Amino acid sequence: MSARKSGYSLLYIFMSFVVGCILAGIVAVTLSKPSPKTPAVPGQTSDAEATAEGEEDVIAFDPALMMPSWNADSRTLAKLVDYVEDVCNPVSRNYVEPADRIATFDMDGTVLCEKAPVYVDYCMLMHRVLEDPSYEADAETIAALQQIRANADQGFVDGDLNDAKNSALVKAFAGMTQAEFADYVTNFIDTTEAEGFSGMVYGQSFYHPMAEVINYLRAHEFNVYFVSASEREVARAIVAYGLGFEPDHVIGTDIVFAATGQGDVAPSDYTVTQDDELVLTAEMLPEVGKGNKVVYIQREIGKRPILAFGNSSGDFAMLNYAQGNPEHKGMGVLIVADDTVREYGEERKAASMREEADGEGWLAVSMRDDWATIYGEGVEKTALPADLELADAA
């Protein structure tokens, strides 16, 4: 063999050795990296479990496991799942990038009981004014809340008293910091039994089927927001307690804050000091209901939702905003309170809601027909105070 050929052979061997080392290093580094994990959701099989069973590293969706509070044969749930799977499928013509997967939920009556006997913020305010020994309300406020209490015992809210309710609310908590107010709300919903039910405090009065939907959407990279006509800090404390949501994902009616050292100076003319705290004032901004929900969604999220959930006329604008999304396939979902056995449903109102949903093309969810359970085991509907009074009179 010539010297030249011998040199080429040695060079070839050396280069092969170097390339082999590089490839071995790449494989070692790749194998050492942890694989990405899918968010833990009840009913799903983890990546590790799937691998151990010899399955493909893909998590299959099983509604019966992931959303057991729904009836297994619910066609409504099937339609919702079909929609979500479609917009999350990269090969679908309706595919939506995760950044644009915005879902908005009303709170009371959509994900949370609103008939115990009325909205939670009303119940908390009645407790504050009429029962809390640490707070002394004026006579006008007491009279207004006594009337609201009488109406609540009958299971309804008088819209003519809404201004009086808001006035009482801001006066009852003025001067509290956000943290103090949140603590008050949390303590109330954690310790007060939901009226008209047994086995459940207000903080547990979330609809289990809707909590499962929210988990399902978040597992599919939806950005979920709550948009409520209730006061924002109340809503923040409730969804933090029950669902673990951060405050920046809650939109609601605002009580105005002010710095403790501000006095009568306008906020535009006042420089907050390092020692200042923000406290609630006696001023409330316009209610975030109906068309205002859409306005606040644009203002605070900056993107149009593709999916929206509501239960009343106050949510119709938001449902249409999602359903009519011009850039992506949208869907509005209306929760219909038609269950008179496990909940305080109203047949006449439910029929009207179904008719509205049909006319607008929204998906209508029946509490009675679609949900296997509403609040889970151990919770039973009892009777509202007015029902008890009628029973005693008989």
Protein backbone atom coordinates (compact mmCIF):
# COMPACT_ATOMS: atom_id res chain seq x y z
CA MET A 1 0.00 0.00 0.00
CA SER A 2 1.35 3.42 -0.88
CA ALA A 3 2.01 6.06 1.74
CA ARG A 4 -0.67 8.25 0.19
CA LYS A 5 -3.33 5.50 0.44
CA SER A 6 -2.22 4.70 3.97
CA GLY A 7 -2.67 8.37 4.91
CA TYR A 8 -6.16 8.48 3.41
CA SER A 9 -7.12 5.34 5.38
CA LEU A 10 -5.95 6.82 8.63
CA LEU A 11 -7.78 10.07 7.92
CA TYR A 12 -10.97 8.16 7.09
CA ILE A 13 -10.76 6.20 10.33
CA PHE A 14 -10.16 9.37 12.34
CA MET A 15 -13.08 11.26 10.72
CA SER A 16 -15.41 8.30 11.24
CA PHE A 17 -14.44 8.23 14.90
CA VAL A 18 -15.12 11.97 15.30
CA VAL A 19 -18.52 11.78 13.54
CA GLY A 20 -19.46 8.77 15.65
CA CYS A 21 -18.65 10.65 18.85
CA ILE A 22 -20.72 13.65 17.78
CA LEU A 23 -23.74 11.49 16.92
CA ALA A 24 -23.47 9.63 20.22
CA GLY A 25 -23.39 12.93 22.08
CA ILE A 26 -26.48 14.21 20.30
CA VAL A 27 -28.41 11.05 21.13
CA ALA A 28 -27.32 11.22 24.78
CA VAL A 29 -28.42 14.84 25.15
CA THR A 30 -31.75 14.16 23.44
CA LEU A 31 -32.51 11.22 25.69
CA SER A 32 -31.59 13.21 28.79
CA LYS A 33 -34.17 15.95 28.10
CA PRO A 34 -37.53 15.51 29.88
CA SER A 35 -40.48 15.18 27.53
CA PRO A 36 -43.15 17.90 27.76
CA LYS A 37 -46.10 17.04 29.95
CA THR A 38 -49.76 17.62 29.26
CA PRO A 39 -51.56 19.53 32.05
CA ALA A 40 -53.02 17.18 34.65
CA VAL A 41 -56.75 16.90 34.14
CA PRO A 42 -59.09 14.45 35.90
CA GLY A 43 -59.72 11.42 33.72
CA GLN A 44 -56.69 11.80 31.46
CA THR A 45 -53.85 9.27 31.20
CA SER A 46 -50.41 10.75 31.76
CA ASP A 47 -47.57 10.45 29.24
CA ALA A 48 -45.69 8.14 31.57
CA GLU A 49 -48.70 5.86 32.05
CA ALA A 50 -49.31 5.66 28.31
CA THR A 51 -45.68 4.74 27.67
CA ALA A 52 -45.73 2.12 30.43
CA GLU A 53 -48.77 0.52 28.84
CA GLY A 54 -47.05 0.39 25.46
CA GLU A 55 -49.46 2.94 24.02
CA GLU A 56 -48.53 5.75 21.66
CA ASP A 57 -47.40 8.94 23.38
CA VAL A 58 -50.76 10.57 22.61
CA ILE A 59 -53.52 11.26 25.13
CA ALA A 60 -56.92 10.11 23.92
CA PHE A 61 -59.95 12.12 25.00
CA ASP A 62 -62.68 10.19 26.80
CA PRO A 63 -65.66 12.39 27.80
CA ALA A 64 -66.93 9.77 30.27
CA LEU A 65 -63.66 9.96 32.20
CA MET A 66 -62.81 13.62 31.79
CA MET A 67 -66.32 15.02 32.30
CA PRO A 68 -68.18 12.47 34.45
CA SER A 69 -70.73 15.02 35.71
CA TRP A 70 -72.33 15.06 32.24
CA ASN A 71 -74.68 12.37 31.03
CA ALA A 72 -72.66 10.01 28.85
CA ASP A 73 -75.23 10.23 26.04
CA SER A 74 -75.44 14.04 26.04
CA ARG A 75 -75.59 15.19 22.42
CA THR A 76 -74.94 18.73 23.65
CA LEU A 77 -71.63 17.72 25.19
CA ALA A 78 -70.76 15.83 22.01
CA LYS A 79 -71.33 18.98 19.96
CA LEU A 80 -69.18 21.06 22.31
CA VAL A 81 -66.38 18.49 22.22
CA ASP A 82 -66.59 18.26 18.42
CA TYR A 83 -66.20 22.03 18.21
CA VAL A 84 -63.20 22.14 20.54
CA GLU A 85 -61.45 19.21 18.90
CA ASP A 86 -62.06 20.78 15.49
CA VAL A 87 -60.56 24.19 16.30
CA CYS A 88 -57.62 22.52 18.06
CA ASN A 89 -56.83 20.17 15.17
CA PRO A 90 -53.88 21.51 13.13
CA VAL A 91 -55.11 19.85 9.94
CA SER A 92 -58.65 21.26 10.21
CA ARG A 93 -59.62 24.25 8.10
CA ASN A 94 -61.12 25.67 11.32
CA TYR A 95 -57.84 25.39 13.26
CA VAL A 96 -57.22 28.23 15.73
CA GLU A 97 -53.77 28.97 17.09
CA PRO A 98 -53.55 28.72 20.92
CA ALA A 99 -52.96 32.48 21.17
CA ASP A 100 -56.47 33.08 19.78
CA ARG A 101 -58.29 30.41 21.78
CA ILE A 102 -60.17 32.80 24.04
CA ALA A 103 -63.14 31.53 26.06
CA THR A 104 -65.28 33.81 28.24
CA PHE A 105 -67.66 32.68 30.99
CA ASP A 106 -70.33 34.53 32.88
CA MET A 107 -70.25 33.56 36.58
CA ASP A 108 -73.64 33.48 38.39
CA GLY A 109 -76.00 30.96 36.81
CA THR A 110 -73.35 29.83 34.31
CA VAL A 111 -70.68 28.25 36.50
CA LEU A 112 -72.00 29.14 39.96
CA CYS A 113 -75.35 28.73 41.70
CA GLU A 114 -77.43 31.91 41.48
CA LYS A 115 -80.50 30.62 43.34
CA ALA A 116 -79.30 30.21 46.91
CA PRO A 117 -81.66 32.04 47.18
CA VAL A 118 -80.17 34.74 44.91
CA TYR A 119 -76.72 35.88 43.68
CA VAL A 120 -73.85 35.26 46.08
CA ASP A 121 -72.86 38.94 46.26
CA TYR A 122 -76.43 39.79 47.33
CA CYS A 123 -76.32 37.07 50.00
CA MET A 124 -73.00 38.37 51.32
CA LEU A 125 -74.31 41.94 51.42
CA MET A 126 -77.45 40.86 53.31
CA HIS A 127 -75.20 39.17 55.86
CA ARG A 128 -72.98 42.25 56.16
CA VAL A 129 -75.84 44.72 56.70
CA LEU A 130 -78.37 42.63 58.61
CA GLU A 131 -76.29 40.08 60.54
CA ASP A 132 -72.64 41.14 60.89
CA PRO A 133 -72.14 42.60 64.42
CA SER A 134 -68.90 44.30 63.34
CA TYR A 135 -70.75 46.61 60.93
CA GLU A 136 -73.42 49.18 61.81
CA ALA A 137 -75.40 50.30 58.77
CA ASP A 138 -77.58 53.39 58.58
CA ALA A 139 -81.36 53.11 58.72
CA GLU A 140 -81.85 53.69 54.98
CA THR A 141 -79.44 50.89 54.09
CA ILE A 142 -81.02 48.52 56.57
CA ALA A 143 -84.49 49.22 55.16
CA ALA A 144 -83.28 48.60 51.59
CA LEU A 145 -81.62 45.31 52.52
CA GLN A 146 -84.67 44.16 54.45
CA GLN A 147 -86.71 44.59 51.27
CA ILE A 148 -84.03 42.79 49.25
CA ARG A 149 -84.11 40.02 51.88
CA ALA A 150 -87.90 39.70 51.57
CA ASN A 151 -87.61 39.41 47.80
CA ALA A 152 -84.75 36.92 48.10
CA ASP A 153 -86.87 34.71 50.34
CA GLN A 154 -89.26 34.50 47.39
CA GLY A 155 -86.33 33.63 45.10
CA PHE A 156 -86.12 36.78 42.99
CA VAL A 157 -84.22 40.04 42.62
CA ASP A 158 -86.08 43.32 42.07
CA GLY A 159 -84.21 45.32 39.44
CA ASP A 160 -85.67 48.54 40.84
CA LEU A 161 -83.57 47.98 43.96
CA ASN A 162 -80.30 47.54 42.05
CA ASP A 163 -79.12 51.10 42.71
CA ALA A 164 -79.94 50.71 46.40
CA LYS A 165 -78.03 47.43 46.48
CA ASN A 166 -74.94 48.99 44.85
CA SER A 167 -75.08 51.96 47.20
CA ALA A 168 -75.25 49.64 50.20
CA LEU A 169 -72.39 47.53 48.85
CA VAL A 170 -69.90 50.37 48.47
CA LYS A 171 -70.81 51.84 51.87
CA ALA A 172 -70.54 48.48 53.60
CA PHE A 173 -66.94 47.88 52.53
CA ALA A 174 -65.53 51.37 51.97
CA GLY A 175 -62.04 51.80 53.44
CA MET A 176 -61.04 48.14 53.11
CA THR A 177 -57.96 47.18 51.14
CA GLN A 178 -58.33 44.69 48.33
CA ALA A 179 -56.79 41.98 50.53
CA GLU A 180 -59.15 42.74 53.43
CA PHE A 181 -62.18 42.67 51.14
CA ALA A 182 -61.03 39.39 49.55
CA ASP A 183 -60.60 37.88 53.01
CA TYR A 184 -64.13 38.95 53.96
CA VAL A 185 -65.61 37.39 50.81
CA THR A 186 -63.56 34.21 51.23
CA ASN A 187 -64.56 33.81 54.86
CA PHE A 188 -68.24 34.27 53.97
CA ILE A 189 -68.29 31.70 51.15
CA ASP A 190 -66.14 29.28 53.17
CA THR A 191 -68.36 29.26 56.28
CA THR A 192 -71.92 30.05 55.15
CA GLU A 193 -74.23 27.26 54.01
CA ALA A 194 -75.89 27.95 50.67
CA GLU A 195 -79.51 28.72 51.44
CA GLY A 196 -81.98 26.31 49.87
CA PHE A 197 -79.44 23.46 49.85
CA SER A 198 -77.93 21.09 52.38
CA GLY A 199 -74.35 19.84 52.35
CA MET A 200 -72.83 22.83 50.56
CA VAL A 201 -71.36 26.20 51.51
CA TYR A 202 -71.39 29.04 48.97
CA GLY A 203 -67.78 28.44 48.01
CA GLN A 204 -68.69 24.89 46.92
CA SER A 205 -71.69 25.95 44.82
CA PHE A 206 -69.93 25.66 41.46
CA TYR A 207 -71.64 23.52 38.84
CA HIS A 208 -69.44 20.43 38.54
CA PRO A 209 -70.16 19.96 34.81
CA MET A 210 -68.98 23.50 34.07
CA ALA A 211 -65.84 23.16 36.18
CA GLU A 212 -65.03 20.09 34.09
CA VAL A 213 -65.57 22.04 30.87
CA ILE A 214 -63.18 24.73 32.09
CA ASN A 215 -60.51 22.12 32.90
CA TYR A 216 -61.05 20.54 29.49
CA LEU A 217 -60.64 23.88 27.71
CA ARG A 218 -57.52 24.78 29.64
CA ALA A 219 -56.02 21.38 28.76
CA HIS A 220 -56.64 22.35 25.14
CA GLU A 221 -54.71 25.62 25.57
CA PHE A 222 -57.75 27.89 25.82
CA ASN A 223 -57.26 31.13 27.72
CA VAL A 224 -60.31 31.29 30.01
CA TYR A 225 -61.76 34.54 31.40
CA PHE A 226 -64.73 35.27 33.66
CA VAL A 227 -66.88 38.25 32.70
CA SER A 228 -69.47 39.03 35.37
CA ALA A 229 -71.87 41.82 36.27
CA SER A 230 -70.98 41.08 39.91
CA GLU A 231 -68.45 43.33 41.60
CA ARG A 232 -65.00 42.40 40.32
CA GLU A 233 -63.27 41.84 43.68
CA VAL A 234 -66.13 39.62 44.83
CA ALA A 235 -65.92 37.58 41.63
CA ARG A 236 -62.11 37.36 41.92
CA ALA A 237 -62.32 35.95 45.44
CA ILE A 238 -65.02 33.44 44.48
CA VAL A 239 -63.29 31.97 41.41
CA ALA A 240 -59.93 31.95 43.19
CA TYR A 241 -61.48 29.96 46.04
CA GLY A 242 -63.46 27.53 43.90
CA LEU A 243 -61.43 27.20 40.71
CA GLY A 244 -57.97 28.52 41.52
CA PHE A 245 -58.08 31.33 38.95
CA GLU A 246 -55.74 34.32 39.04
CA PRO A 247 -57.29 37.81 39.44
CA ASP A 248 -56.15 39.02 36.01
CA HIS A 249 -58.59 36.59 34.38
CA VAL A 250 -61.66 38.11 36.03
CA ILE A 251 -63.62 41.04 34.59
CA GLY A 252 -66.47 42.58 36.61
CA THR A 253 -68.18 45.72 37.83
CA ASP A 254 -65.64 47.89 39.63
CA ILE A 255 -65.69 49.70 42.92
CA VAL A 256 -63.31 52.64 42.57
CA PHE A 257 -60.05 52.44 44.52
CA ALA A 258 -58.16 55.38 46.02
CA ALA A 259 -54.82 55.79 47.80
CA THR A 260 -55.01 56.17 51.58
CA GLY A 261 -53.18 59.52 51.51
CA GLN A 262 -55.10 60.93 48.57
CA GLY A 263 -57.92 62.67 50.43
CA ASP A 264 -60.03 64.82 48.11
CA VAL A 265 -57.30 65.16 45.50
CA ALA A 266 -58.14 63.76 42.06
CA PRO A 267 -56.05 60.67 41.19
CA SER A 268 -54.72 62.47 38.11
CA ASP A 269 -53.22 65.10 40.43
CA TYR A 270 -51.95 62.76 43.14
CA THR A 271 -48.65 60.89 43.27
CA VAL A 272 -49.00 57.65 45.20
CA THR A 273 -46.32 57.36 47.88
CA GLN A 274 -44.42 54.26 48.92
CA ASP A 275 -46.42 54.18 52.15
CA ASP A 276 -49.84 54.41 50.46
CA GLU A 277 -52.28 51.55 50.20
CA LEU A 278 -55.25 51.32 47.85
CA VAL A 279 -58.65 51.10 49.53
CA LEU A 280 -62.22 50.78 48.32
CA THR A 281 -64.20 54.00 48.03
CA ALA A 282 -67.96 54.61 48.05
CA GLU A 283 -68.07 54.93 44.24
CA MET A 284 -69.00 52.19 41.76
CA LEU A 285 -68.58 52.25 37.99
CA PRO A 286 -71.35 51.18 35.55
CA GLU A 287 -72.36 47.53 35.63
CA VAL A 288 -70.57 45.11 33.31
CA GLY A 289 -73.67 43.57 31.78
CA LYS A 290 -75.17 43.14 28.31
CA GLY A 291 -73.28 45.27 25.76
CA ASN A 292 -70.81 46.39 28.41
CA LYS A 293 -69.50 42.82 28.61
CA VAL A 294 -68.35 43.06 25.01
CA VAL A 295 -66.83 46.49 25.59
CA TYR A 296 -64.85 45.26 28.60
CA ILE A 297 -63.70 42.13 26.75
CA GLN A 298 -62.20 44.33 24.04
CA ARG A 299 -60.74 46.75 26.57
CA GLU A 300 -59.13 44.20 28.86
CA ILE A 301 -58.44 41.16 26.69
CA GLY A 302 -57.97 42.89 23.35
CA LYS A 303 -59.11 39.84 21.42
CA ARG A 304 -62.51 38.55 20.38
CA PRO A 305 -63.45 35.24 22.02
CA ILE A 306 -64.21 32.21 19.92
CA LEU A 307 -66.22 30.57 22.69
CA ALA A 308 -68.55 32.17 25.25
CA PHE A 309 -70.84 30.77 27.96
CA GLY A 310 -73.78 32.53 29.61
CA ASN A 311 -77.23 31.93 31.07
CA SER A 312 -79.30 35.10 30.78
CA SER A 313 -80.16 38.12 28.65
CA GLY A 314 -77.24 39.89 30.28
CA ASP A 315 -74.97 37.48 28.40
CA PHE A 316 -76.61 37.53 24.97
CA ALA A 317 -74.26 40.21 23.63
CA MET A 318 -71.21 38.22 24.71
CA LEU A 319 -72.54 35.01 23.14
CA ASN A 320 -73.19 36.80 19.85
CA TYR A 321 -69.73 38.36 19.99
CA ALA A 322 -68.17 34.89 20.06
CA GLN A 323 -70.64 33.24 17.69
CA GLY A 324 -70.12 35.97 15.09
CA ASN A 325 -66.31 35.99 15.25
CA PRO A 326 -65.31 36.95 11.68
CA GLU A 327 -61.82 35.43 11.81
CA HIS A 328 -62.48 32.07 13.45
CA LYS A 329 -65.25 29.56 13.88
CA GLY A 330 -67.10 30.77 16.98
CA MET A 331 -69.66 29.30 19.35
CA GLY A 332 -72.04 30.73 21.96
CA VAL A 333 -73.26 28.36 24.69
CA LEU A 334 -76.37 29.09 26.78
CA ILE A 335 -76.90 27.31 30.11
CA VAL A 336 -80.64 26.68 30.58
CA ALA A 337 -81.91 26.38 34.18
CA ASP A 338 -84.70 23.84 33.56
CA ASP A 339 -84.04 21.46 36.47
CA THR A 340 -86.78 21.83 39.09
CA VAL A 341 -85.72 18.82 41.17
CA ARG A 342 -82.01 19.41 41.85
CA GLU A 343 -82.11 23.19 41.20
CA TYR A 344 -84.59 26.06 41.21
CA GLY A 345 -85.30 25.94 37.50
CA GLU A 346 -88.22 27.78 35.93
CA GLU A 347 -90.00 26.04 33.06
CA ARG A 348 -91.41 29.17 31.44
CA LYS A 349 -88.11 31.03 31.51
CA ALA A 350 -86.25 27.92 30.34
CA ALA A 351 -88.53 27.62 27.31
CA SER A 352 -87.84 31.26 26.47
CA MET A 353 -84.08 30.70 26.76
CA ARG A 354 -84.19 27.65 24.48
CA GLU A 355 -86.15 29.64 21.90
CA GLU A 356 -83.55 32.42 22.06
CA ALA A 357 -80.71 29.93 21.61
CA ASP A 358 -82.40 28.34 18.61
CA GLY A 359 -82.96 31.73 17.00
CA GLU A 360 -79.34 32.81 17.41
CA GLY A 361 -77.75 29.46 16.66
CA TRP A 362 -76.21 29.03 20.12
CA LEU A 363 -75.67 25.65 21.74
CA ALA A 364 -78.22 25.19 24.57
CA VAL A 365 -77.20 23.15 27.64
CA SER A 366 -80.02 21.62 29.70
CA MET A 367 -79.26 21.29 33.40
CA ARG A 368 -82.01 18.67 33.58
CA ASP A 369 -81.16 16.57 30.52
CA ASP A 370 -77.41 17.03 30.03
CA TRP A 371 -76.03 16.93 33.56
CA ALA A 372 -75.70 13.70 35.57
CA THR A 373 -75.05 15.78 38.68
CA ILE A 374 -75.00 19.49 39.42
CA TYR A 375 -73.20 19.87 42.73
CA GLY A 376 -71.90 16.36 43.34
CA GLU A 377 -72.70 13.79 45.98
CA GLY A 378 -74.09 14.80 49.35
CA VAL A 379 -75.79 18.00 48.18
CA GLU A 380 -79.58 18.19 48.21
CA LYS A 381 -82.08 20.90 47.37
CA THR A 382 -84.13 21.78 50.47
CA ALA A 383 -86.53 24.73 50.47
CA LEU A 384 -86.35 28.50 50.27
CA PRO A 385 -87.65 30.49 53.27
CA ALA A 386 -90.88 31.37 51.44
CA ASP A 387 -91.56 27.68 50.82
CA LEU A 388 -91.04 26.94 54.52
CA GLU A 389 -93.43 29.73 55.50
CA LEU A 390 -96.11 28.33 53.19
CA ALA A 391 -95.60 24.86 54.65
CA ASP A 392 -95.93 26.18 58.21
CA ALA A 393 -99.09 28.10 57.27
CA ALA A 394 -100.67 24.96 55.84
